[in-house]
C-alpha atoms as a PDB file:
ATOM      1  CA  UNK A   1       0.000   0.000   0.000  1.00  0.00           C
ATOM      2  CA  UNK A   2       2.925   2.335   0.764  1.00  0.00           C
ATOM      3  CA  UNK A   3       4.241   1.927  -2.814  1.00  0.00           C
ATOM      4  CA  UNK A   4       0.829   2.764  -4.263  1.00  0.00           C
ATOM      5  CA  UNK A   5       0.582   5.987  -2.246  1.00  0.00           C
ATOM      6  CA  UNK A   6       4.156   6.944  -3.166  1.00  0.00           C
ATOM      7  CA  UNK A   7       3.547   6.202  -6.857  1.00  0.00           C
ATOM      8  CA  UNK A   8       0.337   8.240  -6.822  1.00  0.00           C
ATOM      9  CA  UNK A   9       2.136  11.219  -5.250  1.00  0.00           C
ATOM     10  CA  UNK A  10       4.969  10.965  -7.788  1.00  0.00           C
ATOM     11  CA  UNK A  11       2.413  10.815 -10.603  1.00  0.00           C
ATOM     12  CA  UNK A  12       0.611  13.837  -9.173  1.00  0.00           C
ATOM     13  CA  UNK A  13       3.884  15.807  -9.003  1.00  0.00           C
ATOM     14  CA  UNK A  14       4.775  14.977 -12.618  1.00  0.00           C
ATOM     15  CA  UNK A  15       1.235  15.833 -13.671  1.00  0.00           C
ATOM     16  CA  UNK A  16       1.431  19.224 -11.995  1.00  0.00           C
ATOM     17  CA  UNK A  17       4.764  19.993 -13.699  1.00  0.00           C
ATOM     18  CA  UNK A  18       3.325  18.921 -17.066  1.00  0.00           C
ATOM     19  CA  UNK A  19       0.188  21.025 -16.644  1.00  0.00           C
ATOM     20  CA  UNK A  20       2.194  24.091 -15.562  1.00  0.00           C
ATOM     21  CA  UNK A  21       4.450  23.709 -18.610  1.00  0.00           C
ATOM     22  CA  UNK A  22       1.440  23.365 -20.894  1.00  0.00           C
ATOM     23  CA  UNK A  23      -0.066  26.485 -19.315  1.00  0.00           C
ATOM     24  CA  UNK A  24       3.151  28.361 -20.092  1.00  0.00           C
ATOM     25  CA  UNK A  25       2.953  27.017 -23.646  1.00  0.00           C
ATOM     26  CA  UNK A  26      -0.633  28.281 -23.891  1.00  0.00           C
ATOM     27  CA  UNK A  27       0.471  31.748 -22.787  1.00  0.00           C
ATOM     28  CA  UNK A  28       3.295  31.777 -25.346  1.00  0.00           C
ATOM     29  CA  UNK A  29       0.911  30.861 -28.172  1.00  0.00           C
ATOM     30  CA  UNK A  30      -1.556  33.465 -26.903  1.00  0.00           C
ATOM     31  CA  UNK A  31       1.194  36.108 -27.057  1.00  0.00           C
ATOM     32  CA  UNK A  32       2.093  35.030 -30.617  1.00  0.00           C
ATOM     33  CA  UNK A  33      -1.470  35.399 -31.877  1.00  0.00           C
ATOM     34  CA  UNK A  34      -3.369  38.658 -32.269  1.00  0.00           C
ATOM     35  CA  UNK A  35      -6.471  38.678 -30.092  1.00  0.00           C
ATOM     36  CA  UNK A  36      -7.413  36.325 -27.289  1.00  0.00           C
ATOM     37  CA  UNK A  37      -6.510  32.689 -27.943  1.00  0.00           C
ATOM     38  CA  UNK A  38      -9.447  31.320 -25.940  1.00  0.00           C
ATOM     39  CA  UNK A  39     -11.881  33.389 -28.010  1.00  0.00           C
ATOM     40  CA  UNK A  40     -10.225  32.375 -31.273  1.00  0.00           C
ATOM     41  CA  UNK A  41     -10.514  28.680 -30.457  1.00  0.00           C
ATOM     42  CA  UNK A  42     -13.633  28.273 -28.332  1.00  0.00           C
ATOM     43  CA  UNK A  43     -15.832  31.085 -29.655  1.00  0.00           C
ATOM     44  CA  UNK A  44     -14.677  31.621 -33.249  1.00  0.00           C
ATOM     45  CA  UNK A  45     -13.653  27.951 -33.744  1.00  0.00           C
ATOM     46  CA  UNK A  46     -10.469  29.017 -35.489  1.00  0.00           C
ATOM     47  CA  UNK A  47      -8.709  25.876 -36.743  1.00  0.00           C
ATOM     48  CA  UNK A  48      -5.395  27.622 -37.362  1.00  0.00           C
ATOM     49  CA  UNK A  49      -5.079  28.773 -33.748  1.00  0.00           C
ATOM     50  CA  UNK A  50      -6.227  25.369 -32.458  1.00  0.00           C
ATOM     51  CA  UNK A  51      -3.656  23.544 -34.591  1.00  0.00           C
ATOM     52  CA  UNK A  52      -0.797  25.715 -33.381  1.00  0.00           C
ATOM     53  CA  UNK A  53      -1.844  25.359 -29.739  1.00  0.00           C
ATOM     54  CA  UNK A  54      -2.283  21.578 -29.923  1.00  0.00           C
ATOM     55  CA  UNK A  55       1.111  21.142 -31.571  1.00  0.00           C
ATOM     56  CA  UNK A  56       2.707  23.226 -28.819  1.00  0.00           C
ATOM     57  CA  UNK A  57       1.016  21.164 -26.105  1.00  0.00           C
ATOM     58  CA  UNK A  58       2.027  17.910 -27.804  1.00  0.00           C
ATOM     59  CA  UNK A  59       5.631  19.122 -28.107  1.00  0.00           C
ATOM     60  CA  UNK A  60       5.712  19.904 -24.387  1.00  0.00           C
ATOM     61  CA  UNK A  61       4.189  16.511 -23.593  1.00  0.00           C
ATOM     62  CA  UNK A  62       6.824  14.720 -25.673  1.00  0.00           C
ATOM     63  CA  UNK A  63       9.582  16.520 -23.769  1.00  0.00           C
ATOM     64  CA  UNK A  64       8.095  15.783 -20.340  1.00  0.00           C
ATOM     65  CA  UNK A  65       7.598  12.093 -21.163  1.00  0.00           C
ATOM     66  CA  UNK A  66      11.232  11.806 -22.304  1.00  0.00           C
ATOM     67  CA  UNK A  67      12.503  13.542 -19.163  1.00  0.00           C
ATOM     68  CA  UNK A  68      10.486  11.211 -16.945  1.00  0.00           C
ATOM     69  CA  UNK A  69      11.715   8.141 -18.830  1.00  0.00           C
ATOM     70  CA  UNK A  70      15.328   9.320 -18.619  1.00  0.00           C
ATOM     71  CA  UNK A  71      15.167   9.955 -14.863  1.00  0.00           C
ATOM     72  CA  UNK A  72      15.931   6.284 -14.104  1.00  0.00           C
ATOM     73  CA  UNK A  73      13.558   6.167 -11.116  1.00  0.00           C
ATOM     74  CA  UNK A  74      15.186   9.204  -9.484  1.00  0.00           C
ATOM     75  CA  UNK A  75      12.092  11.226  -8.608  1.00  0.00           C
ATOM     76  CA  UNK A  76      13.806  14.529  -7.838  1.00  0.00           C
ATOM     77  CA  UNK A  77      16.004  14.343 -10.942  1.00  0.00           C
ATOM     78  CA  UNK A  78      12.985  13.466 -13.062  1.00  0.00           C
ATOM     79  CA  UNK A  79      10.864  16.285 -11.674  1.00  0.00           C
ATOM     80  CA  UNK A  80      13.568  18.942 -12.001  1.00  0.00           C
ATOM     81  CA  UNK A  81      14.581  17.570 -15.399  1.00  0.00           C
ATOM     82  CA  UNK A  82      11.006  17.630 -16.653  1.00  0.00           C
ATOM     83  CA  UNK A  83      10.618  21.255 -15.612  1.00  0.00           C
ATOM     84  CA  UNK A  84      14.014  22.336 -16.938  1.00  0.00           C
ATOM     85  CA  UNK A  85      13.781  20.528 -20.272  1.00  0.00           C
ATOM     86  CA  UNK A  86      10.197  21.704 -20.649  1.00  0.00           C
ATOM     87  CA  UNK A  87      11.215  25.337 -20.204  1.00  0.00           C
ATOM     88  CA  UNK A  88      14.123  24.892 -22.635  1.00  0.00           C
ATOM     89  CA  UNK A  89      11.733  23.307 -25.111  1.00  0.00           C
ATOM     90  CA  UNK A  90       9.257  26.167 -24.830  1.00  0.00           C
ATOM     91  CA  UNK A  91      12.022  28.720 -25.333  1.00  0.00           C
ATOM     92  CA  UNK A  92      13.308  26.871 -28.404  1.00  0.00           C
ATOM     93  CA  UNK A  93       9.765  26.537 -29.794  1.00  0.00           C
ATOM     94  CA  UNK A  94       9.231  30.282 -29.346  1.00  0.00           C
ATOM     95  CA  UNK A  95      12.557  31.055 -31.016  1.00  0.00           C
ATOM     96  CA  UNK A  96      11.737  28.684 -33.880  1.00  0.00           C
ATOM     97  CA  UNK A  97       8.384  30.448 -34.339  1.00  0.00           C
ATOM     98  CA  UNK A  98      10.119  33.841 -34.480  1.00  0.00           C
ATOM     99  CA  UNK A  99      12.745  32.513 -36.917  1.00  0.00           C
ATOM    100  CA  UNK A 100      10.119  30.923 -39.173  1.00  0.00           C
ATOM    101  CA  UNK A 101       8.139  34.163 -39.072  1.00  0.00           C
ATOM    102  CA  UNK A 102      11.237  36.153 -40.077  1.00  0.00           C
ATOM    103  CA  UNK A 103      12.153  33.806 -42.950  1.00  0.00           C
ATOM    104  CA  UNK A 104       8.699  33.524 -44.523  1.00  0.00           C
ATOM    105  CA  UNK A 105       6.426  36.067 -46.191  1.00  0.00           C
ATOM    106  CA  UNK A 106       3.675  37.668 -44.129  1.00  0.00           C
ATOM    107  CA  UNK A 107       3.210  37.461 -40.384  1.00  0.00           C
ATOM    108  CA  UNK A 108       2.483  34.049 -38.877  1.00  0.00           C
ATOM    109  CA  UNK A 109       0.449  35.629 -36.099  1.00  0.00           C
ATOM    110  CA  UNK A 110      -1.873  37.177 -38.654  1.00  0.00           C
ATOM    111  CA  UNK A 111      -2.238  33.890 -40.532  1.00  0.00           C
ATOM    112  CA  UNK A 112      -3.226  32.176 -37.297  1.00  0.00           C
ATOM    113  CA  UNK A 113      -6.314  34.312 -36.877  1.00  0.00           C
ATOM    114  CA  UNK A 114      -7.505  33.819 -40.469  1.00  0.00           C
ATOM    115  CA  UNK A 115     -10.728  31.799 -40.534  1.00  0.00           C
ATOM    116  CA  UNK A 116      -9.554  29.865 -43.586  1.00  0.00           C
ATOM    117  CA  UNK A 117      -7.082  27.035 -42.932  1.00  0.00           C
ATOM    118  CA  UNK A 118      -3.605  28.114 -43.990  1.00  0.00           C
ATOM    119  CA  UNK A 119      -0.739  25.745 -44.914  1.00  0.00           C
ATOM    120  CA  UNK A 120       1.790  27.939 -43.084  1.00  0.00           C
ATOM    121  CA  UNK A 121       0.118  27.016 -39.802  1.00  0.00           C
ATOM    122  CA  UNK A 122       0.795  23.328 -40.534  1.00  0.00           C
ATOM    123  CA  UNK A 123       4.459  24.160 -41.087  1.00  0.00           C
ATOM    124  CA  UNK A 124       4.610  26.077 -37.823  1.00  0.00           C
ATOM    125  CA  UNK A 125       2.835  23.231 -36.019  1.00  0.00           C
ATOM    126  CA  UNK A 126       5.365  20.735 -37.351  1.00  0.00           C
ATOM    127  CA  UNK A 127       8.175  22.956 -36.072  1.00  0.00           C
ATOM    128  CA  UNK A 128       6.658  22.639 -32.576  1.00  0.00           C
ATOM    129  CA  UNK A 129       6.407  18.847 -32.823  1.00  0.00           C
ATOM    130  CA  UNK A 130       9.874  18.456 -34.327  1.00  0.00           C
ATOM    131  CA  UNK A 131      11.359  20.663 -31.616  1.00  0.00           C
ATOM    132  CA  UNK A 132       9.736  18.524 -28.940  1.00  0.00           C
ATOM    133  CA  UNK A 133      11.044  15.348 -30.580  1.00  0.00           C
ATOM    134  CA  UNK A 134      14.579  16.747 -30.957  1.00  0.00           C
ATOM    135  CA  UNK A 135      14.735  17.746 -27.298  1.00  0.00           C
ATOM    136  CA  UNK A 136      13.274  14.405 -26.265  1.00  0.00           C
ATOM    137  CA  UNK A 137      15.982  12.600 -28.239  1.00  0.00           C
ATOM    138  CA  UNK A 138      18.651  14.786 -26.657  1.00  0.00           C
ATOM    139  CA  UNK A 139      17.398  13.875 -23.181  1.00  0.00           C
ATOM    140  CA  UNK A 140      17.768  10.125 -23.635  1.00  0.00           C
END
């Protein structure tokens, strides 16, 4: 019974770190998009904004999973590593977004709020996923 309680507490701690990192990711995407992200997605049903947000959240999740797996049953190392690698991943994703925006025509933020699906959003989303995968590979 002691192991079950310990495992549940460890799971809760990792879950909290993951949710906090995803919340930070949400804020970063919100900053990158004109207008309010929650209105764009939940009220206006904007697919472009939803795609970018989901790719960011998935990228963060990939990083956190890799950090947990690489912790080798060292709870403190895994928790700190998950937070640290998650923050690094979010910073790199934000920098990649800015770089992609600088190298391509138009403004990505403006494309995100367009009601029509735009291929550039798919490219930006893949940058988020690839960044998460690259960091995950670097962790292990």
